[in-house]
Amino acid sequence: MHSALHEETSPDVLRERLRNVYWIGGGSGSGKSTIARRLADRHGLPLYDTDAVMPDHARRMPVEQAPYLGRFAAMDMDERWVTRSPQEMLDTFHWYQGEGFALIIEDLLALSADGPVIAEGFRLLPDLVRPLLADTGHAVWLLPTNEFRQKVFEGRGGPAWGFIAKTGDPQRALQNLLQRDALFTERLTEQTRQLGLNGFTVDPTITEEDSVRRVAAVFGLEN
């Protein structure tokens, strides 16, 4: 996905202009939002939540730049979450394909012009973020174990949670979602390893404060 901004701006210039960004990516249910919020509050930094802007980005993307989004939008809830395999769900999910990433960069260029900013969300894919990093110490991916992710979704209500409850088979939908997210985490784990990026495993033995301190240490935010 490329916007006119990407076409007109060299990679070196983008890296320099985004030097103030601290990136927190990772699998769903890994604690990204909580850790990012705590770091932002603790260090007085603005927070850019890529989940929060998804509806706006979906509206702004031209149809020709979002084929996966178009197909997803045309599906009913069961087609999205019940009847397809977790692998198909992974391979065709628009945000996992990088659709809309150019809009994230446009937003961050405006925000980072005023100083450091923390960006977080699963849309921050390692292979898309890596070319934008002037310093790999400004990026971390949180990689939840299956056990950790299961506990998170149980805490949210399991099959009764959110859009899952709107399907014809919430239990099946939840299991498909958990398996898809496990596959996504495996992909992130491999990408961070291959690209020499920071990937941290998150399991039930690791406290929230431990994760906050670990990420802060990589970012050089420790006092």
N, C-alpha and C. Protein backbone atom coordinates (compact mmCIF):
# COMPACT_ATOMS: atom_id res chain seq x y z
N MET A 1 0.84 -1.19 0.00
CA MET A 1 0.00 0.00 0.00
C MET A 1 0.88 1.24 0.00
N HIS A 2 0.69 2.08 -0.98
CA HIS A 2 1.48 3.31 -1.07
C HIS A 2 0.55 4.47 -1.37
N SER A 3 0.78 5.57 -0.67
CA SER A 3 0.05 6.79 -0.98
C SER A 3 0.99 7.71 -1.74
N ALA A 4 0.45 8.85 -2.18
CA ALA A 4 1.30 9.82 -2.86
C ALA A 4 2.43 10.26 -1.95
N LEU A 5 2.16 10.30 -0.64
CA LEU A 5 3.18 10.69 0.32
C LEU A 5 4.39 9.77 0.23
N HIS A 6 4.15 8.46 0.17
CA HIS A 6 5.24 7.50 0.09
C HIS A 6 5.99 7.64 -1.23
N GLU A 7 5.29 7.89 -2.27
CA GLU A 7 5.91 7.98 -3.58
C GLU A 7 6.80 9.22 -3.68
N GLU A 8 6.46 10.26 -2.94
CA GLU A 8 7.19 11.52 -3.04
C GLU A 8 8.27 11.67 -1.99
N THR A 9 8.27 10.79 -0.98
CA THR A 9 9.20 10.91 0.13
C THR A 9 10.15 9.72 0.13
N SER A 10 11.45 9.98 0.16
CA SER A 10 12.43 8.90 0.13
C SER A 10 12.42 8.14 1.45
N PRO A 11 12.85 6.87 1.44
CA PRO A 11 12.93 6.10 2.69
C PRO A 11 13.79 6.77 3.74
N ASP A 12 14.90 7.38 3.33
CA ASP A 12 15.78 8.03 4.30
C ASP A 12 15.07 9.20 4.99
N VAL A 13 14.32 9.96 4.22
CA VAL A 13 13.59 11.10 4.79
C VAL A 13 12.51 10.61 5.73
N LEU A 14 11.79 9.56 5.34
CA LEU A 14 10.75 9.00 6.20
C LEU A 14 11.33 8.51 7.52
N ARG A 15 12.44 7.80 7.45
CA ARG A 15 13.07 7.31 8.68
C ARG A 15 13.43 8.46 9.61
N GLU A 16 13.97 9.52 9.05
CA GLU A 16 14.36 10.67 9.87
C GLU A 16 13.14 11.36 10.47
N ARG A 17 12.10 11.53 9.68
CA ARG A 17 10.89 12.21 10.16
C ARG A 17 10.13 11.39 11.19
N LEU A 18 10.31 10.05 11.15
CA LEU A 18 9.61 9.18 12.10
C LEU A 18 10.52 8.74 13.24
N ARG A 19 11.67 9.40 13.37
CA ARG A 19 12.63 9.02 14.41
C ARG A 19 12.02 9.15 15.81
N ASN A 20 11.03 10.04 15.97
CA ASN A 20 10.43 10.27 17.28
C ASN A 20 9.35 9.25 17.66
N VAL A 21 9.09 8.28 16.79
CA VAL A 21 8.01 7.33 17.05
C VAL A 21 8.55 6.09 17.78
N TYR A 22 7.83 5.70 18.83
CA TYR A 22 8.08 4.43 19.52
C TYR A 22 6.94 3.48 19.13
N TRP A 23 7.30 2.35 18.54
CA TRP A 23 6.32 1.44 17.96
C TRP A 23 6.09 0.24 18.88
N ILE A 24 4.83 -0.08 19.19
CA ILE A 24 4.48 -1.28 19.95
C ILE A 24 3.47 -2.08 19.13
N GLY A 25 3.93 -3.16 18.53
CA GLY A 25 3.05 -4.04 17.78
C GLY A 25 2.89 -5.35 18.52
N GLY A 26 2.21 -6.29 17.88
CA GLY A 26 2.08 -7.61 18.50
C GLY A 26 0.76 -8.27 18.23
N GLY A 27 0.63 -9.48 18.74
CA GLY A 27 -0.57 -10.26 18.56
C GLY A 27 -1.74 -9.72 19.36
N SER A 28 -2.93 -10.10 18.97
CA SER A 28 -4.13 -9.69 19.71
C SER A 28 -4.10 -10.30 21.10
N GLY A 29 -4.56 -9.52 22.08
CA GLY A 29 -4.60 -10.00 23.45
C GLY A 29 -3.25 -10.09 24.11
N SER A 30 -2.28 -9.29 23.65
CA SER A 30 -0.93 -9.35 24.22
C SER A 30 -0.67 -8.25 25.25
N GLY A 31 -1.63 -7.34 25.42
CA GLY A 31 -1.45 -6.25 26.37
C GLY A 31 -0.86 -4.99 25.77
N LYS A 32 -0.84 -4.90 24.44
CA LYS A 32 -0.24 -3.73 23.77
C LYS A 32 -0.85 -2.42 24.24
N SER A 33 -2.17 -2.37 24.23
CA SER A 33 -2.86 -1.11 24.55
C SER A 33 -2.58 -0.67 25.97
N THR A 34 -2.64 -1.62 26.90
CA THR A 34 -2.41 -1.28 28.31
C THR A 34 -0.99 -0.80 28.53
N ILE A 35 -0.03 -1.52 27.98
CA ILE A 35 1.37 -1.16 28.16
C ILE A 35 1.67 0.19 27.51
N ALA A 36 1.15 0.40 26.30
CA ALA A 36 1.36 1.68 25.62
C ALA A 36 0.76 2.83 26.42
N ARG A 37 -0.44 2.62 26.94
CA ARG A 37 -1.10 3.67 27.71
C ARG A 37 -0.32 3.99 28.98
N ARG A 38 0.17 2.97 29.66
CA ARG A 38 0.92 3.20 30.88
C ARG A 38 2.24 3.93 30.60
N LEU A 39 2.91 3.55 29.51
CA LEU A 39 4.14 4.24 29.16
C LEU A 39 3.87 5.69 28.76
N ALA A 40 2.81 5.90 28.02
CA ALA A 40 2.46 7.26 27.60
C ALA A 40 2.16 8.13 28.82
N ASP A 41 1.40 7.59 29.76
CA ASP A 41 1.06 8.35 30.98
C ASP A 41 2.30 8.60 31.83
N ARG A 42 3.13 7.59 31.96
CA ARG A 42 4.30 7.69 32.84
C ARG A 42 5.32 8.69 32.32
N HIS A 43 5.44 8.78 30.99
CA HIS A 43 6.49 9.63 30.40
C HIS A 43 5.92 10.86 29.70
N GLY A 44 4.63 11.09 29.85
CA GLY A 44 4.02 12.29 29.30
C GLY A 44 4.06 12.36 27.79
N LEU A 45 3.83 11.21 27.13
CA LEU A 45 3.91 11.16 25.67
C LEU A 45 2.52 10.96 25.07
N PRO A 46 2.26 11.53 23.91
CA PRO A 46 0.98 11.27 23.23
C PRO A 46 0.93 9.83 22.74
N LEU A 47 -0.28 9.27 22.68
CA LEU A 47 -0.47 7.89 22.26
C LEU A 47 -1.31 7.84 21.00
N TYR A 48 -0.82 7.11 20.01
CA TYR A 48 -1.55 6.91 18.76
C TYR A 48 -2.03 5.46 18.72
N ASP A 49 -3.33 5.27 18.83
CA ASP A 49 -3.97 3.96 18.88
C ASP A 49 -4.45 3.60 17.47
N THR A 50 -3.76 2.66 16.82
CA THR A 50 -4.13 2.33 15.45
C THR A 50 -5.48 1.61 15.37
N ASP A 51 -5.91 0.97 16.45
CA ASP A 51 -7.25 0.36 16.46
C ASP A 51 -8.33 1.43 16.37
N ALA A 52 -8.13 2.52 17.10
CA ALA A 52 -9.15 3.56 17.19
C ALA A 52 -9.42 4.23 15.85
N VAL A 53 -8.42 4.26 14.97
CA VAL A 53 -8.59 4.95 13.69
C VAL A 53 -8.99 4.01 12.56
N MET A 54 -9.21 2.74 12.87
CA MET A 54 -9.58 1.80 11.80
C MET A 54 -10.85 2.21 11.04
N PRO A 55 -11.93 2.61 11.73
CA PRO A 55 -13.11 3.03 10.97
C PRO A 55 -12.84 4.21 10.04
N ASP A 56 -12.08 5.19 10.53
CA ASP A 56 -11.75 6.35 9.72
C ASP A 56 -10.89 5.93 8.51
N HIS A 57 -9.92 5.08 8.73
CA HIS A 57 -9.06 4.64 7.64
C HIS A 57 -9.84 3.81 6.63
N ALA A 58 -10.76 2.99 7.10
CA ALA A 58 -11.56 2.19 6.18
C ALA A 58 -12.40 3.09 5.27
N ARG A 59 -12.88 4.19 5.82
CA ARG A 59 -13.67 5.13 5.00
C ARG A 59 -12.78 5.87 4.00
N ARG A 60 -11.55 6.17 4.39
CA ARG A 60 -10.67 7.00 3.56
C ARG A 60 -9.96 6.21 2.45
N MET A 61 -9.88 4.90 2.57
CA MET A 61 -9.13 4.13 1.57
C MET A 61 -9.90 4.01 0.27
N PRO A 62 -9.28 4.36 -0.84
CA PRO A 62 -9.92 4.14 -2.15
C PRO A 62 -10.18 2.65 -2.36
N VAL A 63 -11.26 2.32 -3.04
CA VAL A 63 -11.63 0.92 -3.26
C VAL A 63 -10.51 0.12 -3.90
N GLU A 64 -9.82 0.72 -4.88
CA GLU A 64 -8.77 0.00 -5.59
C GLU A 64 -7.56 -0.29 -4.71
N GLN A 65 -7.44 0.42 -3.57
CA GLN A 65 -6.33 0.18 -2.65
C GLN A 65 -6.71 -0.76 -1.51
N ALA A 66 -7.94 -1.25 -1.51
CA ALA A 66 -8.41 -2.05 -0.39
C ALA A 66 -9.25 -3.24 -0.85
N PRO A 67 -8.69 -4.11 -1.69
CA PRO A 67 -9.48 -5.25 -2.17
C PRO A 67 -9.88 -6.23 -1.06
N TYR A 68 -8.98 -6.46 -0.11
CA TYR A 68 -9.31 -7.38 0.99
C TYR A 68 -10.40 -6.79 1.88
N LEU A 69 -10.32 -5.50 2.16
CA LEU A 69 -11.35 -4.83 2.96
C LEU A 69 -12.70 -4.93 2.27
N GLY A 70 -12.72 -4.72 0.95
CA GLY A 70 -13.97 -4.79 0.21
C GLY A 70 -14.63 -6.15 0.33
N ARG A 71 -13.82 -7.21 0.21
CA ARG A 71 -14.38 -8.56 0.32
C ARG A 71 -14.85 -8.85 1.74
N PHE A 72 -14.09 -8.39 2.73
CA PHE A 72 -14.47 -8.61 4.13
C PHE A 72 -15.78 -7.88 4.45
N ALA A 73 -15.90 -6.65 3.97
CA ALA A 73 -17.09 -5.86 4.24
C ALA A 73 -18.35 -6.49 3.64
N ALA A 74 -18.18 -7.22 2.55
CA ALA A 74 -19.33 -7.84 1.88
C ALA A 74 -19.80 -9.12 2.56
N MET A 75 -19.02 -9.66 3.50
CA MET A 75 -19.39 -10.90 4.17
C MET A 75 -20.35 -10.65 5.32
N ASP A 76 -21.18 -11.66 5.64
CA ASP A 76 -21.97 -11.57 6.86
C ASP A 76 -21.10 -12.08 8.02
N MET A 77 -21.61 -11.99 9.23
CA MET A 77 -20.81 -12.32 10.42
C MET A 77 -20.33 -13.77 10.42
N ASP A 78 -21.19 -14.69 9.98
CA ASP A 78 -20.78 -16.09 9.96
C ASP A 78 -19.72 -16.35 8.90
N GLU A 79 -19.82 -15.69 7.77
CA GLU A 79 -18.80 -15.85 6.75
C GLU A 79 -17.45 -15.33 7.25
N ARG A 80 -17.49 -14.29 8.04
CA ARG A 80 -16.24 -13.73 8.56
C ARG A 80 -15.60 -14.63 9.61
N TRP A 81 -16.41 -15.18 10.52
CA TRP A 81 -15.87 -15.76 11.74
C TRP A 81 -16.20 -17.23 11.98
N VAL A 82 -17.16 -17.80 11.24
CA VAL A 82 -17.59 -19.17 11.55
C VAL A 82 -17.24 -20.16 10.46
N THR A 83 -17.55 -19.86 9.22
CA THR A 83 -17.49 -20.86 8.16
C THR A 83 -16.12 -20.97 7.49
N ARG A 84 -15.26 -19.99 7.65
CA ARG A 84 -13.93 -20.05 7.03
C ARG A 84 -12.91 -20.64 7.99
N SER A 85 -11.83 -21.19 7.46
CA SER A 85 -10.77 -21.74 8.30
C SER A 85 -9.94 -20.61 8.90
N PRO A 86 -9.32 -20.85 10.06
CA PRO A 86 -8.44 -19.82 10.65
C PRO A 86 -7.34 -19.38 9.70
N GLN A 87 -6.80 -20.31 8.89
CA GLN A 87 -5.75 -19.94 7.96
C GLN A 87 -6.27 -18.99 6.89
N GLU A 88 -7.46 -19.27 6.37
CA GLU A 88 -8.05 -18.37 5.38
C GLU A 88 -8.34 -17.01 6.00
N MET A 89 -8.82 -17.01 7.23
CA MET A 89 -9.08 -15.76 7.94
C MET A 89 -7.80 -14.95 8.08
N LEU A 90 -6.70 -15.62 8.37
CA LEU A 90 -5.41 -14.94 8.50
C LEU A 90 -4.95 -14.35 7.17
N ASP A 91 -5.02 -15.17 6.14
CA ASP A 91 -4.45 -14.79 4.84
C ASP A 91 -5.25 -13.71 4.11
N THR A 92 -6.51 -13.51 4.50
CA THR A 92 -7.35 -12.56 3.77
C THR A 92 -7.77 -11.36 4.61
N PHE A 93 -7.31 -11.27 5.87
CA PHE A 93 -7.71 -10.15 6.72
C PHE A 93 -6.99 -8.88 6.25
N HIS A 94 -7.76 -7.87 5.92
CA HIS A 94 -7.21 -6.67 5.26
C HIS A 94 -6.11 -5.99 6.05
N TRP A 95 -6.29 -5.86 7.36
CA TRP A 95 -5.26 -5.15 8.14
C TRP A 95 -3.97 -5.98 8.19
N TYR A 96 -4.09 -7.33 8.19
CA TYR A 96 -2.89 -8.17 8.17
C TYR A 96 -2.17 -8.10 6.83
N GLN A 97 -2.87 -7.64 5.81
CA GLN A 97 -2.26 -7.49 4.49
C GLN A 97 -1.66 -6.09 4.29
N GLY A 98 -1.73 -5.27 5.31
CA GLY A 98 -1.13 -3.94 5.24
C GLY A 98 -2.01 -2.88 4.63
N GLU A 99 -3.27 -3.20 4.33
CA GLU A 99 -4.15 -2.18 3.78
C GLU A 99 -4.36 -1.08 4.81
N GLY A 100 -4.20 0.15 4.38
CA GLY A 100 -4.36 1.29 5.28
C GLY A 100 -3.09 1.69 6.03
N PHE A 101 -2.00 0.95 5.84
CA PHE A 101 -0.77 1.30 6.57
C PHE A 101 -0.25 2.67 6.16
N ALA A 102 -0.42 3.03 4.90
CA ALA A 102 0.04 4.35 4.46
C ALA A 102 -0.66 5.47 5.23
N LEU A 103 -1.91 5.24 5.62
CA LEU A 103 -2.65 6.25 6.38
C LEU A 103 -2.10 6.36 7.80
N ILE A 104 -1.66 5.24 8.35
CA ILE A 104 -1.00 5.28 9.66
C ILE A 104 0.24 6.17 9.58
N ILE A 105 1.03 5.99 8.54
CA ILE A 105 2.25 6.79 8.40
C ILE A 105 1.92 8.27 8.25
N GLU A 106 0.91 8.58 7.46
CA GLU A 106 0.52 9.98 7.30
C GLU A 106 0.13 10.59 8.65
N ASP A 107 -0.63 9.84 9.44
CA ASP A 107 -1.02 10.34 10.76
C ASP A 107 0.20 10.55 11.65
N LEU A 108 1.12 9.58 11.64
CA LEU A 108 2.29 9.66 12.51
C LEU A 108 3.24 10.77 12.09
N LEU A 109 3.34 11.05 10.82
CA LEU A 109 4.19 12.15 10.37
C LEU A 109 3.70 13.48 10.94
N ALA A 110 2.41 13.63 11.03
CA ALA A 110 1.85 14.86 11.61
C ALA A 110 2.07 14.90 13.11
N LEU A 111 1.86 13.76 13.79
CA LEU A 111 1.99 13.73 15.25
C LEU A 111 3.45 13.85 15.70
N SER A 112 4.35 13.13 15.03
CA SER A 112 5.74 13.10 15.48
C SER A 112 6.48 14.40 15.19
N ALA A 113 5.89 15.25 14.37
CA ALA A 113 6.52 16.54 14.10
C ALA A 113 6.61 17.39 15.37
N ASP A 114 5.73 17.11 16.33
CA ASP A 114 5.70 17.88 17.58
C ASP A 114 6.51 17.23 18.70
N GLY A 115 7.13 16.09 18.43
CA GLY A 115 7.92 15.41 19.46
C GLY A 115 7.62 13.93 19.51
N PRO A 116 8.19 13.21 20.50
CA PRO A 116 8.01 11.77 20.59
C PRO A 116 6.54 11.37 20.73
N VAL A 117 6.20 10.22 20.17
CA VAL A 117 4.85 9.68 20.25
C VAL A 117 4.94 8.16 20.30
N ILE A 118 4.03 7.54 21.04
CA ILE A 118 3.95 6.09 21.09
C ILE A 118 2.82 5.64 20.17
N ALA A 119 3.13 4.73 19.26
CA ALA A 119 2.14 4.16 18.36
C ALA A 119 1.96 2.69 18.73
N GLU A 120 0.71 2.24 18.80
CA GLU A 120 0.50 0.83 19.16
C GLU A 120 -0.63 0.22 18.37
N GLY A 121 -0.53 -1.10 18.18
CA GLY A 121 -1.60 -1.83 17.52
C GLY A 121 -1.09 -2.99 16.69
N PHE A 122 -1.95 -3.95 16.42
CA PHE A 122 -1.55 -5.12 15.65
C PHE A 122 -1.29 -4.78 14.19
N ARG A 123 -1.77 -3.61 13.72
CA ARG A 123 -1.55 -3.20 12.33
C ARG A 123 -0.10 -2.80 12.05
N LEU A 124 0.70 -2.66 13.08
CA LEU A 124 2.11 -2.30 12.92
C LEU A 124 2.90 -3.56 12.61
N LEU A 125 2.85 -3.99 11.37
CA LEU A 125 3.47 -5.24 10.95
C LEU A 125 4.98 -5.07 10.81
N PRO A 126 5.76 -6.03 11.30
CA PRO A 126 7.22 -5.88 11.30
C PRO A 126 7.83 -5.57 9.94
N ASP A 127 7.35 -6.23 8.88
CA ASP A 127 7.96 -6.00 7.57
C ASP A 127 7.62 -4.63 7.00
N LEU A 128 6.55 -4.01 7.50
CA LEU A 128 6.21 -2.66 7.05
C LEU A 128 6.90 -1.59 7.91
N VAL A 129 7.08 -1.89 9.18
CA VAL A 129 7.71 -0.92 10.09
C VAL A 129 9.23 -0.90 9.93
N ARG A 130 9.83 -2.05 9.68
CA ARG A 130 11.30 -2.14 9.66
C ARG A 130 11.96 -1.11 8.74
N PRO A 131 11.47 -0.89 7.50
CA PRO A 131 12.13 0.09 6.63
C PRO A 131 12.03 1.53 7.14
N LEU A 132 11.16 1.76 8.13
CA LEU A 132 10.93 3.11 8.63
C LEU A 132 11.73 3.41 9.90
N LEU A 133 12.48 2.43 10.38
CA LEU A 133 13.18 2.58 11.65
C LEU A 133 14.59 3.12 11.48
N ALA A 134 14.83 4.27 12.08
CA ALA A 134 16.20 4.77 12.17
C ALA A 134 16.95 4.06 13.29
N ASP A 135 16.18 3.55 14.27
CA ASP A 135 16.76 2.87 15.43
C ASP A 135 15.83 1.71 15.77
N THR A 136 16.31 0.47 15.65
CA THR A 136 15.46 -0.69 15.94
C THR A 136 15.08 -0.77 17.42
N GLY A 137 15.78 -0.01 18.26
CA GLY A 137 15.41 0.05 19.67
C GLY A 137 14.15 0.84 19.93
N HIS A 138 13.56 1.41 18.88
CA HIS A 138 12.31 2.15 19.02
C HIS A 138 11.09 1.30 18.65
N ALA A 139 11.28 -0.01 18.53
CA ALA A 139 10.15 -0.87 18.14
C ALA A 139 10.19 -2.19 18.91
N VAL A 140 9.01 -2.60 19.38
CA VAL A 140 8.86 -3.85 20.12
C VAL A 140 7.58 -4.53 19.66
N TRP A 141 7.63 -5.86 19.54
CA TRP A 141 6.42 -6.64 19.27
C TRP A 141 6.18 -7.60 20.42
N LEU A 142 4.96 -7.59 20.94
CA LEU A 142 4.57 -8.45 22.05
C LEU A 142 3.92 -9.71 21.48
N LEU A 143 4.41 -10.87 21.90
CA LEU A 143 4.03 -12.14 21.31
C LEU A 143 3.39 -13.03 22.37
N PRO A 144 2.07 -13.02 22.48
CA PRO A 144 1.39 -13.76 23.54
C PRO A 144 1.39 -15.27 23.28
N THR A 145 1.56 -16.04 24.33
CA THR A 145 1.38 -17.48 24.22
C THR A 145 -0.11 -17.79 24.08
N ASN A 146 -0.42 -18.99 23.63
CA ASN A 146 -1.83 -19.38 23.49
C ASN A 146 -2.54 -19.32 24.83
N GLU A 147 -1.86 -19.73 25.90
CA GLU A 147 -2.47 -19.72 27.23
C GLU A 147 -2.79 -18.29 27.67
N PHE A 148 -1.87 -17.37 27.42
CA PHE A 148 -2.10 -15.98 27.80
C PHE A 148 -3.28 -15.40 27.03
N ARG A 149 -3.31 -15.65 25.72
CA ARG A 149 -4.38 -15.12 24.87
C ARG A 149 -5.74 -15.69 25.30
N GLN A 150 -5.77 -16.99 25.63
CA GLN A 150 -7.01 -17.63 26.06
C GLN A 150 -7.55 -16.95 27.31
N LYS A 151 -6.67 -16.66 28.27
CA LYS A 151 -7.09 -16.02 29.52
C LYS A 151 -7.63 -14.61 29.25
N VAL A 152 -7.00 -13.92 28.33
CA VAL A 152 -7.45 -12.56 28.00
C VAL A 152 -8.87 -12.59 27.44
N PHE A 153 -9.13 -13.49 26.51
CA PHE A 153 -10.46 -13.54 25.90
C PHE A 153 -11.50 -14.08 26.87
N GLU A 154 -11.11 -14.95 27.77
CA GLU A 154 -12.04 -15.39 28.82
C GLU A 154 -12.42 -14.20 29.69
N GLY A 155 -11.44 -13.35 29.97
CA GLY A 155 -11.71 -12.17 30.78
C GLY A 155 -12.62 -11.17 30.09
N ARG A 156 -12.63 -11.19 28.77
CA ARG A 156 -13.49 -10.28 28.01
C ARG A 156 -14.92 -10.82 27.88
N GLY A 157 -15.12 -12.08 28.27
CA GLY A 157 -16.45 -12.65 28.17
C GLY A 157 -16.57 -13.86 27.28
N GLY A 158 -15.44 -14.30 26.69
CA GLY A 158 -15.45 -15.49 25.86
C GLY A 158 -16.42 -15.35 24.70
N PRO A 159 -17.26 -16.38 24.47
CA PRO A 159 -18.20 -16.35 23.34
C PRO A 159 -19.24 -15.23 23.43
N ALA A 160 -19.40 -14.65 24.61
CA ALA A 160 -20.38 -13.57 24.77
C ALA A 160 -19.79 -12.20 24.47
N TRP A 161 -18.53 -12.18 24.03
CA TRP A 161 -17.82 -10.90 23.84
C TRP A 161 -18.08 -10.31 22.47
N GLY A 162 -18.43 -9.04 22.43
CA GLY A 162 -18.44 -8.22 21.22
C GLY A 162 -19.04 -8.85 19.99
N PHE A 163 -18.31 -8.73 18.88
CA PHE A 163 -18.83 -9.21 17.59
C PHE A 163 -18.98 -10.73 17.56
N ILE A 164 -18.22 -11.45 18.41
CA ILE A 164 -18.33 -12.91 18.45
C ILE A 164 -19.75 -13.34 18.81
N ALA A 165 -20.36 -12.60 19.72
CA ALA A 165 -21.71 -12.94 20.18
C ALA A 165 -22.76 -12.72 19.09
N LYS A 166 -22.41 -11.99 18.04
CA LYS A 166 -23.36 -11.70 16.98
C LYS A 166 -23.37 -12.75 15.88
N THR A 167 -22.54 -13.78 16.00
CA THR A 167 -22.50 -14.84 15.01
C THR A 167 -23.51 -15.93 15.34
N GLY A 168 -23.71 -16.83 14.40
CA GLY A 168 -24.64 -17.94 14.62
C GLY A 168 -24.08 -19.02 15.50
N ASP A 169 -22.77 -19.04 15.69
CA ASP A 169 -22.11 -20.06 16.52
C ASP A 169 -20.95 -19.39 17.26
N PRO A 170 -21.24 -18.67 18.35
CA PRO A 170 -20.19 -17.92 19.05
C PRO A 170 -19.02 -18.78 19.52
N GLN A 171 -19.28 -20.00 19.95
CA GLN A 171 -18.19 -20.84 20.43
C GLN A 171 -17.22 -21.18 19.30
N ARG A 172 -17.77 -21.54 18.17
CA ARG A 172 -16.94 -21.85 17.00
C ARG A 172 -16.20 -20.59 16.54
N ALA A 173 -16.89 -19.47 16.53
CA ALA A 173 -16.28 -18.22 16.10
C ALA A 173 -15.10 -17.86 17.01
N LEU A 174 -15.27 -18.05 18.31
CA LEU A 174 -14.20 -17.73 19.25
C LEU A 174 -13.00 -18.63 19.00
N GLN A 175 -13.23 -19.92 18.81
CA GLN A 175 -12.11 -20.83 18.57
C GLN A 175 -11.40 -20.49 17.27
N ASN A 176 -12.17 -20.14 16.23
CA ASN A 176 -11.55 -19.73 14.97
C ASN A 176 -10.70 -18.48 15.16
N LEU A 177 -11.23 -17.52 15.92
CA LEU A 177 -10.50 -16.28 16.17
C LEU A 177 -9.21 -16.56 16.94
N LEU A 178 -9.29 -17.39 17.97
CA LEU A 178 -8.10 -17.71 18.76
C LEU A 178 -7.05 -18.42 17.90
N GLN A 179 -7.49 -19.33 17.05
CA GLN A 179 -6.54 -20.04 16.19
C GLN A 179 -5.94 -19.11 15.15
N ARG A 180 -6.78 -18.22 14.58
CA ARG A 180 -6.25 -17.23 13.63
C ARG A 180 -5.20 -16.36 14.29
N ASP A 181 -5.50 -15.89 15.51
CA ASP A 181 -4.56 -15.01 16.20
C ASP A 181 -3.29 -15.74 16.59
N ALA A 182 -3.39 -17.05 16.89
CA ALA A 182 -2.19 -17.83 17.17
C ALA A 182 -1.31 -17.92 15.93
N LEU A 183 -1.93 -18.11 14.77
CA LEU A 183 -1.19 -18.14 13.51
C LEU A 183 -0.54 -16.78 13.23
N PHE A 184 -1.26 -15.72 13.53
CA PHE A 184 -0.72 -14.37 13.34
C PHE A 184 0.49 -14.15 14.24
N THR A 185 0.41 -14.59 15.48
CA THR A 185 1.54 -14.44 16.40
C THR A 185 2.73 -15.25 15.91
N GLU A 186 2.50 -16.43 15.37
CA GLU A 186 3.60 -17.22 14.80
C GLU A 186 4.26 -16.45 13.65
N ARG A 187 3.46 -15.81 12.84
CA ARG A 187 3.99 -15.02 11.72
C ARG A 187 4.83 -13.85 12.25
N LEU A 188 4.32 -13.17 13.27
CA LEU A 188 5.07 -12.05 13.85
C LEU A 188 6.38 -12.53 14.46
N THR A 189 6.34 -13.67 15.12
CA THR A 189 7.54 -14.21 15.75
C THR A 189 8.62 -14.47 14.72
N GLU A 190 8.23 -15.07 13.60
CA GLU A 190 9.19 -15.38 12.54
C GLU A 190 9.70 -14.09 11.89
N GLN A 191 8.82 -13.14 11.65
CA GLN A 191 9.24 -11.89 11.00
C GLN A 191 10.20 -11.10 11.88
N THR A 192 9.89 -10.98 13.16
CA THR A 192 10.79 -10.22 14.04
C THR A 192 12.15 -10.90 14.11
N ARG A 193 12.16 -12.21 14.12
CA ARG A 193 13.44 -12.93 14.15
C ARG A 193 14.23 -12.68 12.88
N GLN A 194 13.59 -12.81 11.74
CA GLN A 194 14.28 -12.63 10.47
C GLN A 194 14.77 -11.20 10.26
N LEU A 195 14.02 -10.24 10.77
CA LEU A 195 14.35 -8.83 10.55
C LEU A 195 15.21 -8.23 11.65
N GLY A 196 15.55 -9.04 12.66
CA GLY A 196 16.40 -8.55 13.74
C GLY A 196 15.70 -7.54 14.63
N LEU A 197 14.40 -7.73 14.85
CA LEU A 197 13.62 -6.80 15.67
C LEU A 197 13.33 -7.39 17.04
N ASN A 198 12.88 -6.54 17.94
CA ASN A 198 12.61 -6.96 19.32
C ASN A 198 11.24 -7.61 19.43
N GLY A 199 11.24 -8.91 19.73
CA GLY A 199 9.99 -9.62 19.97
C GLY A 199 10.01 -10.23 21.36
N PHE A 200 9.03 -9.89 22.19
CA PHE A 200 8.97 -10.36 23.57
C PHE A 200 7.81 -11.32 23.77
N THR A 201 8.07 -12.51 24.25
CA THR A 201 7.02 -13.45 24.57
C THR A 201 6.28 -12.98 25.82
N VAL A 202 4.95 -13.05 25.77
CA VAL A 202 4.11 -12.67 26.91
C VAL A 202 3.35 -13.90 27.36
N ASP A 203 3.59 -14.35 28.60
CA ASP A 203 2.88 -15.50 29.12
C ASP A 203 2.31 -15.17 30.50
N PRO A 204 1.48 -16.06 31.07
CA PRO A 204 0.82 -15.74 32.34
C PRO A 204 1.76 -15.49 33.52
N THR A 205 3.04 -15.89 33.42
CA THR A 205 3.97 -15.67 34.52
C THR A 205 4.55 -14.26 34.53
N ILE A 206 4.34 -13.51 33.45
CA ILE A 206 4.89 -12.16 33.32
C ILE A 206 3.85 -11.14 33.74
N THR A 207 4.18 -10.31 34.71
CA THR A 207 3.23 -9.30 35.17
C THR A 207 3.18 -8.13 34.21
N GLU A 208 2.10 -7.39 34.31
CA GLU A 208 1.94 -6.20 33.47
C GLU A 208 3.08 -5.22 33.71
N GLU A 209 3.45 -5.04 34.96
CA GLU A 209 4.53 -4.11 35.28
C GLU A 209 5.86 -4.59 34.70
N ASP A 210 6.08 -5.90 34.71
CA ASP A 210 7.29 -6.44 34.11
C ASP A 210 7.36 -6.08 32.63
N SER A 211 6.23 -6.22 31.95
CA SER A 211 6.19 -5.91 30.52
C SER A 211 6.42 -4.42 30.27
N VAL A 212 5.83 -3.59 31.10
CA VAL A 212 6.01 -2.14 30.97
C VAL A 212 7.49 -1.79 31.12
N ARG A 213 8.13 -2.33 32.14
CA ARG A 213 9.53 -2.02 32.38
C ARG A 213 10.43 -2.54 31.26
N ARG A 214 10.09 -3.72 30.75
CA ARG A 214 10.91 -4.31 29.69
C ARG A 214 10.84 -3.46 28.42
N VAL A 215 9.64 -3.05 28.05
CA VAL A 215 9.49 -2.22 26.86
C VAL A 215 10.15 -0.85 27.07
N ALA A 216 9.96 -0.28 28.25
CA ALA A 216 10.57 1.02 28.55
C ALA A 216 12.10 0.94 28.46
N ALA A 217 12.65 -0.17 28.90
CA ALA A 217 14.11 -0.33 28.86
C ALA A 217 14.62 -0.38 27.43
N VAL A 218 13.91 -1.08 26.56
CA VAL A 218 14.31 -1.14 25.15
C VAL A 218 14.22 0.23 24.52
N PHE A 219 13.16 0.96 24.87
CA PHE A 219 12.95 2.29 24.31
C PHE A 219 13.91 3.34 24.89
N GLY A 220 14.60 2.99 25.95
CA GLY A 220 15.47 3.96 26.62
C GLY A 220 14.71 4.99 27.42
N LEU A 221 13.52 4.60 27.91
CA LEU A 221 12.68 5.51 28.67
C LEU A 221 12.84 5.33 30.18
N GLU A 222 13.66 4.38 30.59
CA GLU A 222 13.85 4.15 32.02
C GLU A 222 14.53 5.36 32.66
N ASN A 223 14.02 5.74 33.83
CA ASN A 223 14.62 6.87 34.54
C ASN A 223 15.85 6.43 35.32
